[in-house]
Amino acid sequence: MNLNPIEIKGGHRWQIYHRLCELGIACTCNAYEPLIVKVETPIALVQLWSVAKHITTPRQTQIAWLETCWNCR
């Protein structure tokens, strides 16, 4: 599956790379090179999106989102 590349800052790249490896998603991330992820299934795509969103979204934004969810109950 070929998708358009997105730009992720260096420190986030390594965090995303390590988490994707933990999830068993094939990827490479060499020094001064882009993170390359092999997305083979829809589940892998959702996991990639989730990991990238979690790592790149500011903590305060995540807290506000959770509080909104809790208040919807």
PDB file of N, CA and C in Angstrom:
ATOM      1  N   MET A   1       0.856  -1.161   0.000  1.00  0.00           N
ATOM      2  CA  MET A   1       0.000   0.000   0.000  1.00  0.00           C
ATOM      3  C   MET A   1       0.909   1.233   0.000  1.00  0.00           C
ATOM      4  N   ASN A   2       0.788   2.086  -0.978  1.00  0.00           N
ATOM      5  CA  ASN A   2       1.584   3.307  -1.051  1.00  0.00           C
ATOM      6  C   ASN A   2       0.745   4.494  -0.620  1.00  0.00           C
ATOM      7  N   LEU A   3       1.243   5.222   0.352  1.00  0.00           N
ATOM      8  CA  LEU A   3       0.557   6.405   0.856  1.00  0.00           C
ATOM      9  C   LEU A   3       1.482   7.599   0.726  1.00  0.00           C
ATOM     10  N   ASN A   4       0.922   8.768   0.741  1.00  0.00           N
ATOM     11  CA  ASN A   4       1.739   9.973   0.692  1.00  0.00           C
ATOM     12  C   ASN A   4       2.550  10.100   1.972  1.00  0.00           C
ATOM     13  N   PRO A   5       3.813  10.517   1.856  1.00  0.00           N
ATOM     14  CA  PRO A   5       4.638  10.663   3.061  1.00  0.00           C
ATOM     15  C   PRO A   5       4.184  11.850   3.904  1.00  0.00           C
ATOM     16  N   ILE A   6       4.422  11.735   5.202  1.00  0.00           N
ATOM     17  CA  ILE A   6       4.174  12.854   6.111  1.00  0.00           C
ATOM     18  C   ILE A   6       5.488  13.171   6.814  1.00  0.00           C
ATOM     19  N   GLU A   7       5.649  14.396   7.248  1.00  0.00           N
ATOM     20  CA  GLU A   7       6.883  14.802   7.912  1.00  0.00           C
ATOM     21  C   GLU A   7       6.702  14.729   9.419  1.00  0.00           C
ATOM     22  N   ILE A   8       7.647  14.041  10.075  1.00  0.00           N
ATOM     23  CA  ILE A   8       7.624  13.895  11.526  1.00  0.00           C
ATOM     24  C   ILE A   8       9.001  14.291  12.042  1.00  0.00           C
ATOM     25  N   LYS A   9       9.047  15.076  13.090  1.00  0.00           N
ATOM     26  CA  LYS A   9      10.320  15.546  13.641  1.00  0.00           C
ATOM     27  C   LYS A   9      11.170  14.375  14.132  1.00  0.00           C
ATOM     28  N   GLY A  10      12.491  14.580  14.127  1.00  0.00           N
ATOM     29  CA  GLY A  10      13.460  13.540  14.446  1.00  0.00           C
ATOM     30  C   GLY A  10      13.196  12.747  15.713  1.00  0.00           C
ATOM     31  N   GLY A  11      12.990  13.437  16.837  1.00  0.00           N
ATOM     32  CA  GLY A  11      12.763  12.737  18.095  1.00  0.00           C
ATOM     33  C   GLY A  11      11.511  11.883  18.071  1.00  0.00           C
ATOM     34  N   HIS A  12      10.473  12.391  17.440  1.00  0.00           N
ATOM     35  CA  HIS A  12       9.228  11.633  17.320  1.00  0.00           C
ATOM     36  C   HIS A  12       9.415  10.419  16.415  1.00  0.00           C
ATOM     37  N   ARG A  13      10.244  10.579  15.394  1.00  0.00           N
ATOM     38  CA  ARG A  13      10.488   9.469  14.463  1.00  0.00           C
ATOM     39  C   ARG A  13      10.951   8.229  15.202  1.00  0.00           C
ATOM     40  N   TRP A  14      11.921   8.402  16.105  1.00  0.00           N
ATOM     41  CA  TRP A  14      12.475   7.257  16.819  1.00  0.00           C
ATOM     42  C   TRP A  14      11.453   6.636  17.764  1.00  0.00           C
ATOM     43  N   GLN A  15      10.665   7.462  18.429  1.00  0.00           N
ATOM     44  CA  GLN A  15       9.619   6.929  19.310  1.00  0.00           C
ATOM     45  C   GLN A  15       8.613   6.113  18.501  1.00  0.00           C
ATOM     46  N   ILE A  16       8.202   6.647  17.370  1.00  0.00           N
ATOM     47  CA  ILE A  16       7.240   5.945  16.512  1.00  0.00           C
ATOM     48  C   ILE A  16       7.854   4.654  16.000  1.00  0.00           C
ATOM     49  N   TYR A  17       9.092   4.714  15.568  1.00  0.00           N
ATOM     50  CA  TYR A  17       9.792   3.527  15.060  1.00  0.00           C
ATOM     51  C   TYR A  17       9.810   2.412  16.110  1.00  0.00           C
ATOM     52  N   HIS A  18      10.216   2.744  17.324  1.00  0.00           N
ATOM     53  CA  HIS A  18      10.307   1.720  18.373  1.00  0.00           C
ATOM     54  C   HIS A  18       8.940   1.135  18.714  1.00  0.00           C
ATOM     55  N   ARG A  19       7.913   1.963  18.759  1.00  0.00           N
ATOM     56  CA  ARG A  19       6.569   1.452  19.073  1.00  0.00           C
ATOM     57  C   ARG A  19       6.053   0.560  17.954  1.00  0.00           C
ATOM     58  N   LEU A  20       6.287   0.948  16.699  1.00  0.00           N
ATOM     59  CA  LEU A  20       5.841   0.119  15.577  1.00  0.00           C
ATOM     60  C   LEU A  20       6.566  -1.224  15.582  1.00  0.00           C
ATOM     61  N   CYS A  21       7.855  -1.222  15.930  1.00  0.00           N
ATOM     62  CA  CYS A  21       8.591  -2.487  16.039  1.00  0.00           C
ATOM     63  C   CYS A  21       7.974  -3.373  17.117  1.00  0.00           C
ATOM     64  N   GLU A  22       7.601  -2.773  18.251  1.00  0.00           N
ATOM     65  CA  GLU A  22       6.938  -3.531  19.320  1.00  0.00           C
ATOM     66  C   GLU A  22       5.640  -4.159  18.829  1.00  0.00           C
ATOM     67  N   LEU A  23       4.946  -3.462  17.929  1.00  0.00           N
ATOM     68  CA  LEU A  23       3.676  -3.961  17.389  1.00  0.00           C
ATOM     69  C   LEU A  23       3.879  -4.956  16.246  1.00  0.00           C
ATOM     70  N   GLY A  24       5.128  -5.165  15.838  1.00  0.00           N
ATOM     71  CA  GLY A  24       5.416  -6.114  14.769  1.00  0.00           C
ATOM     72  C   GLY A  24       5.180  -5.557  13.375  1.00  0.00           C
ATOM     73  N   ILE A  25       5.198  -4.237  13.239  1.00  0.00           N
ATOM     74  CA  ILE A  25       5.000  -3.599  11.937  1.00  0.00           C
ATOM     75  C   ILE A  25       6.376  -3.316  11.345  1.00  0.00           C
ATOM     76  N   ALA A  26       6.613  -3.809  10.138  1.00  0.00           N
ATOM     77  CA  ALA A  26       7.911  -3.662   9.483  1.00  0.00           C
ATOM     78  C   ALA A  26       8.200  -2.196   9.178  1.00  0.00           C
ATOM     79  N   CYS A  27       9.368  -1.725   9.643  1.00  0.00           N
ATOM     80  CA  CYS A  27       9.760  -0.342   9.368  1.00  0.00           C
ATOM     81  C   CYS A  27      11.270  -0.206   9.511  1.00  0.00           C
ATOM     82  N   THR A  28      11.802   0.853   8.909  1.00  0.00           N
ATOM     83  CA  THR A  28      13.219   1.173   9.030  1.00  0.00           C
ATOM     84  C   THR A  28      13.353   2.652   9.359  1.00  0.00           C
ATOM     85  N   CYS A  29      14.388   2.955  10.134  1.00  0.00           N
ATOM     86  CA  CYS A  29      14.624   4.350  10.516  1.00  0.00           C
ATOM     87  C   CYS A  29      16.119   4.510  10.775  1.00  0.00           C
ATOM     88  N   ASN A  30      16.851   4.903   9.748  1.00  0.00           N
ATOM     89  CA  ASN A  30      18.287   5.114   9.879  1.00  0.00           C
ATOM     90  C   ASN A  30      18.565   6.575  10.222  1.00  0.00           C
ATOM     91  N   ALA A  31      19.734   6.824  10.787  1.00  0.00           N
ATOM     92  CA  ALA A  31      20.120   8.189  11.148  1.00  0.00           C
ATOM     93  C   ALA A  31      20.068   9.092   9.924  1.00  0.00           C
ATOM     94  N   TYR A  32      19.462  10.242  10.095  1.00  0.00           N
ATOM     95  CA  TYR A  32      19.345  11.267   9.048  1.00  0.00           C
ATOM     96  C   TYR A  32      18.569  10.785   7.823  1.00  0.00           C
ATOM     97  N   GLU A  33      17.762   9.771   7.994  1.00  0.00           N
ATOM     98  CA  GLU A  33      16.923   9.226   6.925  1.00  0.00           C
ATOM     99  C   GLU A  33      15.472   9.258   7.400  1.00  0.00           C
ATOM    100  N   PRO A  34      14.523   9.215   6.469  1.00  0.00           N
ATOM    101  CA  PRO A  34      13.117   9.193   6.890  1.00  0.00           C
ATOM    102  C   PRO A  34      12.721   7.838   7.482  1.00  0.00           C
ATOM    103  N   LEU A  35      11.703   7.857   8.290  1.00  0.00           N
ATOM    104  CA  LEU A  35      11.087   6.630   8.793  1.00  0.00           C
ATOM    105  C   LEU A  35      10.277   6.036   7.652  1.00  0.00           C
ATOM    106  N   ILE A  36      10.539   4.779   7.335  1.00  0.00           N
ATOM    107  CA  ILE A  36       9.806   4.102   6.269  1.00  0.00           C
ATOM    108  C   ILE A  36       9.035   2.949   6.899  1.00  0.00           C
ATOM    109  N   VAL A  37       7.737   2.939   6.682  1.00  0.00           N
ATOM    110  CA  VAL A  37       6.861   1.934   7.283  1.00  0.00           C
ATOM    111  C   VAL A  37       6.206   1.128   6.175  1.00  0.00           C
ATOM    112  N   LYS A  38       6.221  -0.195   6.325  1.00  0.00           N
ATOM    113  CA  LYS A  38       5.556  -1.068   5.362  1.00  0.00           C
ATOM    114  C   LYS A  38       4.181  -1.419   5.928  1.00  0.00           C
ATOM    115  N   VAL A  39       3.158  -0.804   5.363  1.00  0.00           N
ATOM    116  CA  VAL A  39       1.783  -1.016   5.817  1.00  0.00           C
ATOM    117  C   VAL A  39       1.173  -2.099   4.935  1.00  0.00           C
ATOM    118  N   GLU A  40       0.935  -3.271   5.522  1.00  0.00           N
ATOM    119  CA  GLU A  40       0.434  -4.405   4.745  1.00  0.00           C
ATOM    120  C   GLU A  40      -1.035  -4.717   4.989  1.00  0.00           C
ATOM    121  N   THR A  41      -1.597  -4.198   6.068  1.00  0.00           N
ATOM    122  CA  THR A  41      -2.993  -4.500   6.386  1.00  0.00           C
ATOM    123  C   THR A  41      -3.697  -3.233   6.867  1.00  0.00           C
ATOM    124  N   PRO A  42      -5.021  -3.228   6.800  1.00  0.00           N
ATOM    125  CA  PRO A  42      -5.758  -2.084   7.353  1.00  0.00           C
ATOM    126  C   PRO A  42      -5.487  -1.891   8.850  1.00  0.00           C
ATOM    127  N   ILE A  43      -5.305  -2.986   9.572  1.00  0.00           N
ATOM    128  CA  ILE A  43      -5.018  -2.887  11.008  1.00  0.00           C
ATOM    129  C   ILE A  43      -3.682  -2.192  11.234  1.00  0.00           C
ATOM    130  N   ALA A  44      -2.681  -2.535  10.424  1.00  0.00           N
ATOM    131  CA  ALA A  44      -1.372  -1.883  10.537  1.00  0.00           C
ATOM    132  C   ALA A  44      -1.486  -0.392  10.245  1.00  0.00           C
ATOM    133  N   LEU A  45      -2.333  -0.030   9.294  1.00  0.00           N
ATOM    134  CA  LEU A  45      -2.536   1.381   8.967  1.00  0.00           C
ATOM    135  C   LEU A  45      -3.151   2.126  10.152  1.00  0.00           C
ATOM    136  N   VAL A  46      -4.146   1.528  10.782  1.00  0.00           N
ATOM    137  CA  VAL A  46      -4.782   2.160  11.947  1.00  0.00           C
ATOM    138  C   VAL A  46      -3.786   2.251  13.106  1.00  0.00           C
ATOM    139  N   GLN A  47      -2.980   1.217  13.300  1.00  0.00           N
ATOM    140  CA  GLN A  47      -1.979   1.254  14.363  1.00  0.00           C
ATOM    141  C   GLN A  47      -0.945   2.345  14.105  1.00  0.00           C
ATOM    142  N   LEU A  48      -0.502   2.478  12.856  1.00  0.00           N
ATOM    143  CA  LEU A  48       0.443   3.539  12.497  1.00  0.00           C
ATOM    144  C   LEU A  48      -0.167   4.904  12.791  1.00  0.00           C
ATOM    145  N   TRP A  49      -1.393   5.113  12.351  1.00  0.00           N
ATOM    146  CA  TRP A  49      -2.078   6.384  12.594  1.00  0.00           C
ATOM    147  C   TRP A  49      -2.188   6.659  14.092  1.00  0.00           C
ATOM    148  N   SER A  50      -2.585   5.644  14.856  1.00  0.00           N
ATOM    149  CA  SER A  50      -2.776   5.803  16.292  1.00  0.00           C
ATOM    150  C   SER A  50      -1.462   6.142  17.001  1.00  0.00           C
ATOM    151  N   VAL A  51      -0.407   5.424  16.664  1.00  0.00           N
ATOM    152  CA  VAL A  51       0.900   5.667  17.288  1.00  0.00           C
ATOM    153  C   VAL A  51       1.400   7.066  16.940  1.00  0.00           C
ATOM    154  N   ALA A  52       1.321   7.434  15.664  1.00  0.00           N
ATOM    155  CA  ALA A  52       1.796   8.757  15.237  1.00  0.00           C
ATOM    156  C   ALA A  52       0.994   9.864  15.915  1.00  0.00           C
ATOM    157  N   LYS A  53      -0.316   9.687  15.982  1.00  0.00           N
ATOM    158  CA  LYS A  53      -1.172  10.702  16.613  1.00  0.00           C
ATOM    159  C   LYS A  53      -0.848  10.821  18.102  1.00  0.00           C
ATOM    160  N   HIS A  54      -0.703   9.681  18.766  1.00  0.00           N
ATOM    161  CA  HIS A  54      -0.417   9.681  20.204  1.00  0.00           C
ATOM    162  C   HIS A  54       0.912  10.377  20.505  1.00  0.00           C
ATOM    163  N   ILE A  55       1.926  10.095  19.719  1.00  0.00           N
ATOM    164  CA  ILE A  55       3.261  10.625  19.991  1.00  0.00           C
ATOM    165  C   ILE A  55       3.396  12.090  19.583  1.00  0.00           C
ATOM    166  N   THR A  56       2.715  12.504  18.516  1.00  0.00           N
ATOM    167  CA  THR A  56       2.888  13.875  18.022  1.00  0.00           C
ATOM    168  C   THR A  56       1.889  14.879  18.600  1.00  0.00           C
ATOM    169  N   THR A  57       0.824  14.400  19.220  1.00  0.00           N
ATOM    170  CA  THR A  57      -0.166  15.310  19.806  1.00  0.00           C
ATOM    171  C   THR A  57       0.316  15.775  21.176  1.00  0.00           C
ATOM    172  N   PRO A  58       0.290  17.073  21.436  1.00  0.00           N
ATOM    173  CA  PRO A  58       0.720  17.572  22.750  1.00  0.00           C
ATOM    174  C   PRO A  58      -0.100  16.938  23.884  1.00  0.00           C
ATOM    175  N   ARG A  59       0.555  16.710  25.008  1.00  0.00           N
ATOM    176  CA  ARG A  59      -0.085  16.060  26.153  1.00  0.00           C
ATOM    177  C   ARG A  59      -1.344  16.802  26.596  1.00  0.00           C
ATOM    178  N   GLN A  60      -1.283  18.124  26.637  1.00  0.00           N
ATOM    179  CA  GLN A  60      -2.440  18.903  27.090  1.00  0.00           C
ATOM    180  C   GLN A  60      -3.639  18.703  26.163  1.00  0.00           C
ATOM    181  N   THR A  61      -3.385  18.556  24.873  1.00  0.00           N
ATOM    182  CA  THR A  61      -4.462  18.296  23.912  1.00  0.00           C
ATOM    183  C   THR A  61      -5.078  16.926  24.171  1.00  0.00           C
ATOM    184  N   GLN A  62      -4.244  15.946  24.472  1.00  0.00           N
ATOM    185  CA  GLN A  62      -4.751  14.604  24.778  1.00  0.00           C
ATOM    186  C   GLN A  62      -5.593  14.617  26.049  1.00  0.00           C
ATOM    187  N   ILE A  63      -5.144  15.355  27.053  1.00  0.00           N
ATOM    188  CA  ILE A  63      -5.899  15.460  28.306  1.00  0.00           C
ATOM    189  C   ILE A  63      -7.258  16.099  28.053  1.00  0.00           C
ATOM    190  N   ALA A  64      -7.281  17.178  27.283  1.00  0.00           N
ATOM    191  CA  ALA A  64      -8.545  17.861  26.973  1.00  0.00           C
ATOM    192  C   ALA A  64      -9.492  16.925  26.235  1.00  0.00           C
ATOM    193  N   TRP A  65      -8.968  16.135  25.308  1.00  0.00           N
ATOM    194  CA  TRP A  65      -9.794  15.191  24.556  1.00  0.00           C
ATOM    195  C   TRP A  65     -10.396  14.135  25.492  1.00  0.00           C
ATOM    196  N   LEU A  66      -9.576  13.602  26.400  1.00  0.00           N
ATOM    197  CA  LEU A  66     -10.084  12.608  27.350  1.00  0.00           C
ATOM    198  C   LEU A  66     -11.152  13.200  28.264  1.00  0.00           C
ATOM    199  N   GLU A  67     -10.928  14.423  28.726  1.00  0.00           N
ATOM    200  CA  GLU A  67     -11.921  15.062  29.589  1.00  0.00           C
ATOM    201  C   GLU A  67     -13.236  15.263  28.847  1.00  0.00           C
ATOM    202  N   THR A  68     -13.164  15.605  27.571  1.00  0.00           N
ATOM    203  CA  THR A  68     -14.375  15.745  26.756  1.00  0.00           C
ATOM    204  C   THR A  68     -15.101  14.409  26.658  1.00  0.00           C
ATOM    205  N   CYS A  69     -14.340  13.339  26.447  1.00  0.00           N
ATOM    206  CA  CYS A  69     -14.953  12.002  26.365  1.00  0.00           C
ATOM    207  C   CYS A  69     -15.633  11.636  27.680  1.00  0.00           C
ATOM    208  N   TRP A  70     -14.969  11.900  28.795  1.00  0.00           N
ATOM    209  CA  TRP A  70     -15.536  11.564  30.098  1.00  0.00           C
ATOM    210  C   TRP A  70     -16.799  12.368  30.373  1.00  0.00           C
ATOM    211  N   ASN A  71     -16.838  13.614  29.920  1.00  0.00           N
ATOM    212  CA  ASN A  71     -18.006  14.464  30.148  1.00  0.00           C
ATOM    213  C   ASN A  71     -19.191  14.089  29.263  1.00  0.00           C
ATOM    214  N   CYS A  72     -18.969  13.320  28.224  1.00  0.00           N
ATOM    215  CA  CYS A  72     -20.058  12.905  27.322  1.00  0.00           C
ATOM    216  C   CYS A  72     -20.901  11.792  27.933  1.00  0.00           C
ATOM    217  N   ARG A  73     -20.452  11.194  28.994  1.00  0.00           N
ATOM    218  CA  ARG A  73     -21.169  10.067  29.597  1.00  0.00           C
ATOM    219  C   ARG A  73     -22.400  10.493  30.279  1.00  0.00           C
TER     220      ARG A  73
END
